[in-house]
N, C-alpha and C. Protein backbone atom coordinates (compact mmCIF):
# COMPACT_ATOMS: atom_id res chain seq x y z
N MET A 1 -7.58 12.76 -7.71
CA MET A 1 -7.83 11.64 -7.10
C MET A 1 -8.21 10.52 -8.11
N THR A 2 -7.46 9.42 -7.89
CA THR A 2 -7.42 8.25 -8.82
C THR A 2 -8.33 7.07 -8.19
N ARG A 3 -9.53 6.61 -9.16
CA ARG A 3 -10.17 5.79 -8.79
C ARG A 3 -9.67 4.26 -9.24
N ILE A 4 -9.00 3.62 -8.26
CA ILE A 4 -8.33 2.24 -8.72
C ILE A 4 -9.50 1.28 -9.08
N ALA A 5 -10.42 1.11 -8.34
CA ALA A 5 -11.34 0.01 -8.66
C ALA A 5 -12.74 0.50 -8.34
N SER A 6 -13.84 0.01 -9.05
CA SER A 6 -15.07 0.75 -8.93
C SER A 6 -15.48 0.28 -7.54
N SER A 7 -16.38 0.98 -6.75
CA SER A 7 -16.65 0.76 -5.54
C SER A 7 -17.84 -0.37 -5.69
N PRO A 8 -17.99 -1.28 -4.59
CA PRO A 8 -19.16 -2.32 -4.89
C PRO A 8 -20.50 -1.67 -4.62
N SER A 9 -21.20 -2.26 -5.20
CA SER A 9 -22.70 -1.64 -5.33
C SER A 9 -23.39 -1.80 -3.87
N THR A 10 -22.74 -2.55 -2.94
CA THR A 10 -23.19 -2.46 -1.69
C THR A 10 -22.50 -1.47 -0.57
N ALA A 11 -21.70 -0.83 -0.97
CA ALA A 11 -20.89 0.06 -0.23
C ALA A 11 -21.89 0.86 0.54
N SER A 12 -21.47 0.77 1.72
CA SER A 12 -22.02 1.41 2.74
C SER A 12 -21.27 2.42 3.71
N THR A 13 -19.79 2.22 3.83
CA THR A 13 -19.04 2.82 4.54
C THR A 13 -17.67 3.33 3.92
N LEU A 14 -17.52 4.49 4.13
CA LEU A 14 -16.26 5.31 3.62
C LEU A 14 -15.20 5.16 4.64
N ARG A 15 -13.98 4.66 4.49
CA ARG A 15 -12.94 4.34 5.41
C ARG A 15 -11.91 5.05 4.93
N HIS A 16 -11.06 5.87 5.62
CA HIS A 16 -9.89 6.49 5.36
C HIS A 16 -8.58 5.78 5.61
N GLY A 17 -7.57 5.81 4.86
CA GLY A 17 -6.36 5.05 5.28
C GLY A 17 -5.27 5.68 4.34
N ALA A 18 -4.18 5.07 4.63
CA ALA A 18 -2.93 5.59 4.22
C ALA A 18 -2.09 4.30 3.76
N SER A 19 -1.08 4.48 2.89
CA SER A 19 -0.12 3.44 2.48
C SER A 19 1.07 4.14 2.10
N ILE A 20 2.19 3.40 1.92
CA ILE A 20 3.48 3.95 1.29
C ILE A 20 4.28 2.86 0.74
N ALA A 21 4.64 3.46 -0.44
CA ALA A 21 5.88 2.58 -1.17
C ALA A 21 7.23 2.84 -0.86
N VAL A 22 7.68 1.81 -0.17
CA VAL A 22 9.12 2.06 0.25
C VAL A 22 10.08 1.33 -0.47
N PHE A 23 11.21 1.98 -0.85
CA PHE A 23 12.27 1.40 -1.60
C PHE A 23 13.45 1.24 -0.95
N ARG A 24 14.34 0.17 -1.06
CA ARG A 24 15.61 -0.06 -0.65
C ARG A 24 16.31 -0.63 -2.14
N GLY A 25 17.29 -0.06 -2.49
CA GLY A 25 17.99 -0.31 -3.70
C GLY A 25 16.86 -0.23 -4.66
N GLY A 26 16.81 -1.23 -5.69
CA GLY A 26 15.80 -1.42 -6.64
C GLY A 26 14.90 -2.10 -6.31
N ALA A 27 14.28 -2.09 -5.21
CA ALA A 27 13.31 -3.03 -4.70
C ALA A 27 12.37 -2.39 -3.74
N VAL A 28 11.29 -2.73 -4.08
CA VAL A 28 9.94 -2.14 -3.16
C VAL A 28 9.44 -3.10 -2.18
N LEU A 29 8.97 -2.57 -0.84
CA LEU A 29 8.54 -3.61 0.19
C LEU A 29 7.03 -3.88 -0.33
N LEU A 30 6.66 -5.00 -0.42
CA LEU A 30 5.33 -5.42 -0.42
C LEU A 30 4.74 -6.36 0.76
N VAL A 31 3.47 -6.30 1.19
CA VAL A 31 2.96 -7.14 2.24
C VAL A 31 1.85 -8.00 1.45
N ARG A 32 1.86 -9.12 1.62
CA ARG A 32 0.55 -10.09 1.26
C ARG A 32 -0.34 -10.02 2.67
N ARG A 33 -1.74 -9.72 1.71
CA ARG A 33 -2.69 -9.48 2.91
C ARG A 33 -3.05 -10.85 3.79
N GLY A 34 -3.22 -10.69 4.89
CA GLY A 34 -3.44 -11.83 5.64
C GLY A 34 -4.82 -11.83 6.09
N ARG A 35 -5.69 -10.86 5.88
CA ARG A 35 -7.20 -10.49 6.23
C ARG A 35 -7.90 -10.00 5.26
N ASP A 36 -9.05 -10.20 5.16
CA ASP A 36 -10.02 -9.47 4.27
C ASP A 36 -10.15 -8.02 4.42
N PRO A 37 -10.54 -7.22 3.52
CA PRO A 37 -10.39 -7.49 2.10
C PRO A 37 -9.00 -7.67 1.62
N PHE A 38 -8.99 -8.43 0.39
CA PHE A 38 -7.83 -8.47 0.04
C PHE A 38 -6.87 -9.59 0.30
N ARG A 39 -7.42 -10.48 0.97
CA ARG A 39 -6.51 -11.47 1.67
C ARG A 39 -5.64 -12.26 0.58
N GLY A 40 -4.37 -12.67 0.69
CA GLY A 40 -3.75 -13.38 -0.17
C GLY A 40 -3.06 -12.53 -1.57
N LEU A 41 -3.51 -11.02 -1.40
CA LEU A 41 -3.00 -10.40 -2.45
C LEU A 41 -1.89 -9.38 -1.96
N TRP A 42 -1.00 -9.27 -2.91
CA TRP A 42 0.32 -8.43 -2.55
C TRP A 42 -0.06 -7.01 -2.52
N SER A 43 0.23 -6.06 -1.61
CA SER A 43 -0.09 -4.70 -1.88
C SER A 43 0.90 -3.90 -1.08
N LEU A 44 0.85 -2.42 -0.91
CA LEU A 44 1.52 -1.86 -0.22
C LEU A 44 1.34 -1.77 1.18
N PRO A 45 2.32 -1.61 2.23
CA PRO A 45 1.69 -1.59 3.67
C PRO A 45 0.95 -0.35 3.79
N GLY A 46 0.12 -0.52 4.62
CA GLY A 46 -1.06 0.74 5.04
C GLY A 46 -2.19 0.08 5.67
N GLY A 47 -2.86 1.02 5.95
CA GLY A 47 -4.16 0.66 6.78
C GLY A 47 -4.82 1.90 7.28
N LYS A 48 -5.81 1.70 8.12
CA LYS A 48 -6.77 2.77 8.59
C LYS A 48 -5.98 4.12 9.24
N ILE A 49 -6.52 5.22 9.06
CA ILE A 49 -6.14 6.42 9.69
C ILE A 49 -6.78 6.48 10.83
N GLU A 50 -6.24 6.57 12.22
CA GLU A 50 -7.06 6.85 13.47
C GLU A 50 -7.62 8.18 13.77
N PRO A 51 -8.65 8.36 14.19
CA PRO A 51 -9.32 9.60 14.35
C PRO A 51 -8.15 10.78 14.90
N GLY A 52 -8.18 11.80 14.15
CA GLY A 52 -7.33 12.87 14.45
C GLY A 52 -5.51 12.77 13.89
N GLU A 53 -5.56 11.54 13.50
CA GLU A 53 -4.18 11.30 12.96
C GLU A 53 -3.95 11.78 11.54
N ASP A 54 -2.71 12.35 11.55
CA ASP A 54 -2.16 12.83 10.17
C ASP A 54 -1.69 11.41 9.11
N PRO A 55 -2.52 11.67 8.00
CA PRO A 55 -2.29 10.56 6.96
C PRO A 55 -0.62 10.07 6.65
N CYS A 56 0.43 10.90 6.75
CA CYS A 56 1.63 10.44 6.82
C CYS A 56 2.08 9.75 8.12
N CYS A 57 1.77 10.28 9.03
CA CYS A 57 1.91 9.41 10.36
C CYS A 57 1.33 8.05 10.48
N ALA A 58 0.04 8.11 9.82
CA ALA A 58 -0.65 6.82 9.84
C ALA A 58 -0.06 5.58 8.82
N ALA A 59 0.67 6.19 7.78
CA ALA A 59 1.31 5.42 6.68
C ALA A 59 2.42 4.75 7.32
N LEU A 60 3.36 5.51 8.30
CA LEU A 60 4.37 5.31 8.76
C LEU A 60 4.21 4.27 10.03
N ARG A 61 3.16 4.61 10.94
CA ARG A 61 2.69 3.73 11.88
C ARG A 61 2.48 2.20 11.31
N GLU A 62 1.54 2.31 10.36
CA GLU A 62 1.25 1.07 9.56
C GLU A 62 2.37 0.34 9.02
N LEU A 63 3.39 1.04 8.52
CA LEU A 63 4.54 0.36 8.05
C LEU A 63 5.21 -0.37 9.12
N LYS A 64 5.43 0.40 9.91
CA LYS A 64 6.13 -0.40 11.32
C LYS A 64 5.21 -1.62 12.13
N GLU A 65 3.94 -1.29 12.16
CA GLU A 65 2.88 -2.51 12.56
C GLU A 65 2.88 -3.72 11.77
N GLU A 66 3.00 -3.41 10.40
CA GLU A 66 2.91 -4.51 9.38
C GLU A 66 4.09 -5.33 8.91
N ALA A 67 5.02 -4.43 8.81
CA ALA A 67 6.45 -4.93 8.44
C ALA A 67 7.72 -4.67 9.30
N GLY A 68 7.59 -4.14 10.44
CA GLY A 68 8.60 -3.81 11.16
C GLY A 68 9.68 -2.95 10.80
N ILE A 69 9.34 -2.07 9.69
CA ILE A 69 10.56 -1.13 9.34
C ILE A 69 10.11 0.34 9.52
N GLU A 70 11.11 1.18 9.34
CA GLU A 70 10.74 2.73 9.22
C GLU A 70 11.23 3.13 7.82
N ALA A 71 10.73 4.15 7.43
CA ALA A 71 11.11 5.02 6.13
C ALA A 71 11.11 6.32 6.51
N GLU A 72 11.94 7.06 5.37
CA GLU A 72 11.81 8.40 5.18
C GLU A 72 10.89 8.71 4.16
N VAL A 73 9.99 9.45 4.52
CA VAL A 73 8.94 9.74 3.45
C VAL A 73 9.48 10.75 2.31
N GLY A 74 9.16 10.50 1.07
CA GLY A 74 9.68 11.67 -0.03
C GLY A 74 8.62 12.39 -0.16
N GLY A 75 7.24 12.00 -0.26
CA GLY A 75 6.27 12.75 -0.60
C GLY A 75 4.98 12.00 -0.79
N ALA A 76 4.00 12.86 -1.14
CA ALA A 76 2.63 12.10 -1.26
C ALA A 76 2.59 11.85 -2.82
N LEU A 77 2.09 10.49 -3.18
CA LEU A 77 1.98 10.02 -4.69
C LEU A 77 0.59 10.30 -5.18
N ASP A 78 -0.31 10.09 -4.53
CA ASP A 78 -1.55 10.17 -5.03
C ASP A 78 -2.65 9.89 -3.75
N ARG A 79 -4.09 10.24 -4.05
CA ARG A 79 -5.16 9.74 -3.11
C ARG A 79 -6.07 8.85 -4.10
N ILE A 80 -6.21 7.70 -3.66
CA ILE A 80 -6.82 6.70 -4.70
C ILE A 80 -8.21 6.26 -3.72
N GLU A 81 -9.28 5.77 -4.57
CA GLU A 81 -10.41 5.43 -3.89
C GLU A 81 -10.45 3.77 -4.37
N VAL A 82 -10.74 2.73 -3.59
CA VAL A 82 -10.64 1.50 -3.70
C VAL A 82 -11.83 0.87 -3.18
N GLY A 83 -12.93 0.36 -4.02
CA GLY A 83 -14.06 -0.39 -3.51
C GLY A 83 -13.64 -1.83 -2.99
N ALA A 84 -14.35 -2.23 -1.94
CA ALA A 84 -14.08 -3.78 -1.77
C ALA A 84 -15.25 -4.37 -0.92
N GLU A 85 -15.35 -5.53 -1.00
CA GLU A 85 -16.36 -6.27 -0.09
C GLU A 85 -15.69 -7.15 1.02
N SER A 86 -16.14 -7.31 2.04
CA SER A 86 -15.57 -8.00 3.22
C SER A 86 -16.02 -9.58 2.87
N GLY A 87 -15.55 -10.38 3.79
CA GLY A 87 -16.14 -11.72 3.87
C GLY A 87 -17.55 -11.78 3.99
N SER A 88 -17.96 -10.84 4.84
CA SER A 88 -19.42 -11.04 4.89
C SER A 88 -20.20 -10.41 4.18
N GLY A 89 -19.72 -9.96 2.84
CA GLY A 89 -20.47 -9.37 1.92
C GLY A 89 -20.76 -7.90 2.07
N ASP A 90 -20.47 -7.37 3.07
CA ASP A 90 -20.55 -5.79 3.21
C ASP A 90 -19.72 -5.14 2.57
N GLY A 91 -19.89 -4.15 2.00
CA GLY A 91 -19.02 -3.22 1.04
C GLY A 91 -18.57 -2.07 1.88
N ALA A 92 -17.40 -1.57 1.27
CA ALA A 92 -16.86 -0.46 1.69
C ALA A 92 -16.11 0.25 0.86
N LEU A 93 -15.90 1.54 0.72
CA LEU A 93 -15.03 2.46 -0.23
C LEU A 93 -14.05 2.77 0.81
N TYR A 94 -12.83 2.70 0.08
CA TYR A 94 -11.58 2.98 0.88
C TYR A 94 -11.00 4.17 0.14
N GLN A 95 -10.69 5.27 0.89
CA GLN A 95 -9.83 6.53 0.27
C GLN A 95 -8.76 6.42 1.14
N LEU A 96 -7.57 5.98 0.00
CA LEU A 96 -6.35 5.91 0.76
C LEU A 96 -5.39 7.25 0.19
N THR A 97 -4.62 7.73 0.97
CA THR A 97 -3.60 8.63 0.46
C THR A 97 -2.38 7.55 0.54
N VAL A 98 -1.66 7.84 -0.59
CA VAL A 98 -0.43 6.91 -0.88
C VAL A 98 0.84 7.55 -0.99
N PHE A 99 1.91 7.55 -0.22
CA PHE A 99 2.97 8.17 -0.09
C PHE A 99 4.25 7.38 -0.70
N TYR A 100 5.28 7.79 -0.57
CA TYR A 100 6.42 7.14 -1.11
C TYR A 100 7.70 7.46 -0.47
N GLY A 101 8.49 6.59 -0.32
CA GLY A 101 9.93 6.88 0.61
C GLY A 101 10.93 6.15 0.31
N ARG A 102 12.25 5.94 0.98
CA ARG A 102 13.13 5.07 1.08
C ARG A 102 13.24 4.36 2.62
N TYR A 103 13.83 3.27 2.48
CA TYR A 103 13.90 2.72 3.74
C TYR A 103 14.85 3.24 4.67
N ALA A 104 14.74 3.27 5.84
CA ALA A 104 15.50 3.66 7.04
C ALA A 104 16.22 2.98 8.06
N SER A 105 15.10 1.98 8.54
CA SER A 105 15.88 1.07 9.44
C SER A 105 14.92 -0.12 9.64
N GLY A 106 15.35 -0.94 10.33
CA GLY A 106 14.63 -2.09 10.90
C GLY A 106 14.79 -3.33 9.83
N VAL A 107 14.32 -4.41 10.12
CA VAL A 107 14.32 -5.96 9.75
C VAL A 107 12.99 -6.17 9.17
N ALA A 108 12.63 -6.35 7.89
CA ALA A 108 11.21 -6.48 7.18
C ALA A 108 11.00 -7.62 7.72
N CYS A 109 9.66 -7.97 8.47
CA CYS A 109 9.12 -9.19 9.06
C CYS A 109 7.78 -9.06 8.97
N ALA A 110 6.95 -10.02 8.65
CA ALA A 110 5.38 -9.98 8.66
C ALA A 110 4.75 -9.71 10.22
N LYS A 111 3.94 -8.86 10.37
CA LYS A 111 3.63 -8.59 11.60
C LYS A 111 2.10 -8.17 11.48
N SER A 112 1.40 -7.97 12.53
CA SER A 112 -0.02 -7.52 12.46
C SER A 112 -0.97 -8.42 11.34
N ASP A 113 -1.49 -7.71 10.45
CA ASP A 113 -2.48 -8.42 9.63
C ASP A 113 -1.71 -8.84 8.15
N ALA A 114 -0.38 -8.54 8.17
CA ALA A 114 0.40 -9.19 6.90
C ALA A 114 0.71 -10.54 7.09
N ALA A 115 0.61 -11.28 6.11
CA ALA A 115 0.91 -12.90 6.06
C ALA A 115 2.34 -13.25 5.66
N GLU A 116 2.78 -12.08 5.00
CA GLU A 116 4.09 -12.17 4.24
C GLU A 116 4.59 -10.83 3.88
N VAL A 117 5.99 -10.50 4.10
CA VAL A 117 6.49 -9.61 3.68
C VAL A 117 7.67 -9.83 2.52
N ALA A 118 8.04 -9.10 1.65
CA ALA A 118 9.00 -9.21 0.65
C ALA A 118 9.56 -7.98 0.14
N TRP A 119 10.84 -7.86 -0.31
CA TRP A 119 11.42 -6.83 -1.07
C TRP A 119 11.29 -7.31 -2.52
N VAL A 120 10.72 -6.61 -3.37
CA VAL A 120 10.53 -7.13 -4.61
C VAL A 120 11.05 -6.11 -5.75
N GLY A 121 12.01 -6.76 -6.61
CA GLY A 121 12.39 -5.73 -7.71
C GLY A 121 11.28 -5.31 -8.82
N LEU A 122 11.56 -4.38 -9.15
CA LEU A 122 10.40 -3.66 -10.13
C LEU A 122 10.20 -4.62 -11.27
N ASP A 123 11.39 -5.31 -11.83
CA ASP A 123 11.04 -6.26 -12.91
C ASP A 123 10.25 -7.61 -12.28
N GLY A 124 10.18 -7.78 -11.11
CA GLY A 124 9.33 -8.88 -10.42
C GLY A 124 7.87 -8.73 -10.10
N LEU A 125 7.42 -7.45 -10.35
CA LEU A 125 5.96 -7.28 -10.09
C LEU A 125 5.07 -7.83 -10.80
N SER A 126 5.12 -8.24 -12.12
CA SER A 126 4.33 -8.73 -13.04
C SER A 126 3.89 -10.15 -12.76
N GLY A 127 4.65 -10.87 -12.12
CA GLY A 127 4.47 -12.07 -11.77
C GLY A 127 3.67 -12.41 -10.35
N LEU A 128 3.31 -11.16 -9.79
CA LEU A 128 2.54 -11.33 -8.21
C LEU A 128 1.03 -10.98 -8.50
N PRO A 129 0.47 -11.85 -7.68
CA PRO A 129 -1.06 -11.45 -7.60
C PRO A 129 -1.21 -10.04 -6.58
N MET A 130 -1.62 -8.98 -7.27
CA MET A 130 -1.58 -7.77 -6.76
C MET A 130 -2.77 -7.10 -6.50
N THR A 131 -3.09 -6.37 -5.47
CA THR A 131 -4.47 -5.53 -5.56
C THR A 131 -4.29 -4.57 -6.64
N GLU A 132 -5.52 -4.50 -7.25
CA GLU A 132 -5.68 -3.47 -8.70
C GLU A 132 -4.94 -2.18 -8.30
N GLY A 133 -4.00 -1.71 -9.39
CA GLY A 133 -3.47 -0.54 -9.33
C GLY A 133 -2.16 -0.23 -8.69
N THR A 134 -2.00 -1.38 -7.99
CA THR A 134 -0.69 -1.26 -7.05
C THR A 134 0.82 -1.21 -7.87
N ALA A 135 0.75 -1.93 -9.01
CA ALA A 135 1.83 -2.03 -9.81
C ALA A 135 2.09 -0.58 -10.41
N ALA A 136 0.90 0.17 -10.74
CA ALA A 136 1.09 1.60 -11.36
C ALA A 136 1.55 2.55 -10.19
N LEU A 137 1.13 2.45 -9.17
CA LEU A 137 1.43 3.22 -8.12
C LEU A 137 2.94 3.02 -7.89
N ILE A 138 3.57 1.80 -7.73
CA ILE A 138 4.92 1.49 -7.37
C ILE A 138 5.81 2.14 -8.60
N ILE A 139 5.47 2.15 -9.78
CA ILE A 139 6.01 2.51 -11.02
C ILE A 139 6.11 4.15 -10.65
N GLY A 140 4.87 4.69 -10.42
CA GLY A 140 5.04 6.07 -10.25
C GLY A 140 5.91 6.59 -9.18
N ALA A 141 5.94 5.96 -7.97
CA ALA A 141 6.73 6.19 -6.88
C ALA A 141 8.05 6.16 -7.38
N ALA A 142 8.58 5.09 -8.04
CA ALA A 142 9.93 4.83 -8.51
C ALA A 142 10.35 6.17 -9.22
N GLU A 143 9.48 6.50 -10.25
CA GLU A 143 10.02 7.32 -11.11
C GLU A 143 9.90 8.80 -10.14
N ARG A 144 9.42 9.03 -9.37
CA ARG A 144 9.59 10.27 -8.54
C ARG A 144 10.68 10.30 -7.37
N LEU A 145 11.34 8.99 -7.30
CA LEU A 145 12.51 8.79 -6.65
C LEU A 145 13.73 8.82 -7.41
N ASP A 146 13.61 9.07 -8.91
CA ASP A 146 14.74 9.25 -9.70
C ASP A 146 15.22 7.76 -9.97
N PHE A 147 14.34 6.88 -10.25
CA PHE A 147 14.91 5.61 -10.70
C PHE A 147 15.05 5.53 -12.12
N GLY A 148 14.31 6.91 -12.84
CA GLY A 148 14.41 6.87 -14.44
C GLY A 148 13.26 6.53 -14.90
N PRO A 149 13.00 6.55 -16.13
CA PRO A 149 11.78 5.85 -16.59
C PRO A 149 11.86 4.42 -16.66
N ILE A 150 10.59 3.99 -16.03
CA ILE A 150 10.33 2.68 -15.76
C ILE A 150 9.48 1.89 -17.08
N THR A 151 9.92 0.86 -17.67
CA THR A 151 8.95 0.16 -18.52
C THR A 151 7.85 -0.34 -18.28
N ARG A 152 6.74 -0.17 -18.61
CA ARG A 152 5.48 -0.64 -17.89
C ARG A 152 5.06 -1.74 -18.75
């Protein structure tokens, strides 16, 4: 498990979630968060795991709910922990299972709690305000999908 950001000192809740790095050609799908935590930052599509839901199924459901597309899962990339504070100052620790895969169908559009979606080339990642650790996850996923060594 990788710790992406330290948990806030007020963390009182552990939340389980899943996300997925989806690639089409040389681009990855990113969503700009429309709600706290992480409002305004770009990240991988994802969200909470419902009770009894498989993490992979949760990642695919959240992808469809946030971005309107479907993907073929290549595998699990990592399990990460991210600490965040909500707008009210309450802290939470998010434990996310991160998957990777390739675009299957649908038209990408912002839905649910996404303010915006975009297909971003790997060379365009450095110019975006992203949630901590997202770029490294994307590069790791691209390497697993045989994009070759990625310059970091």
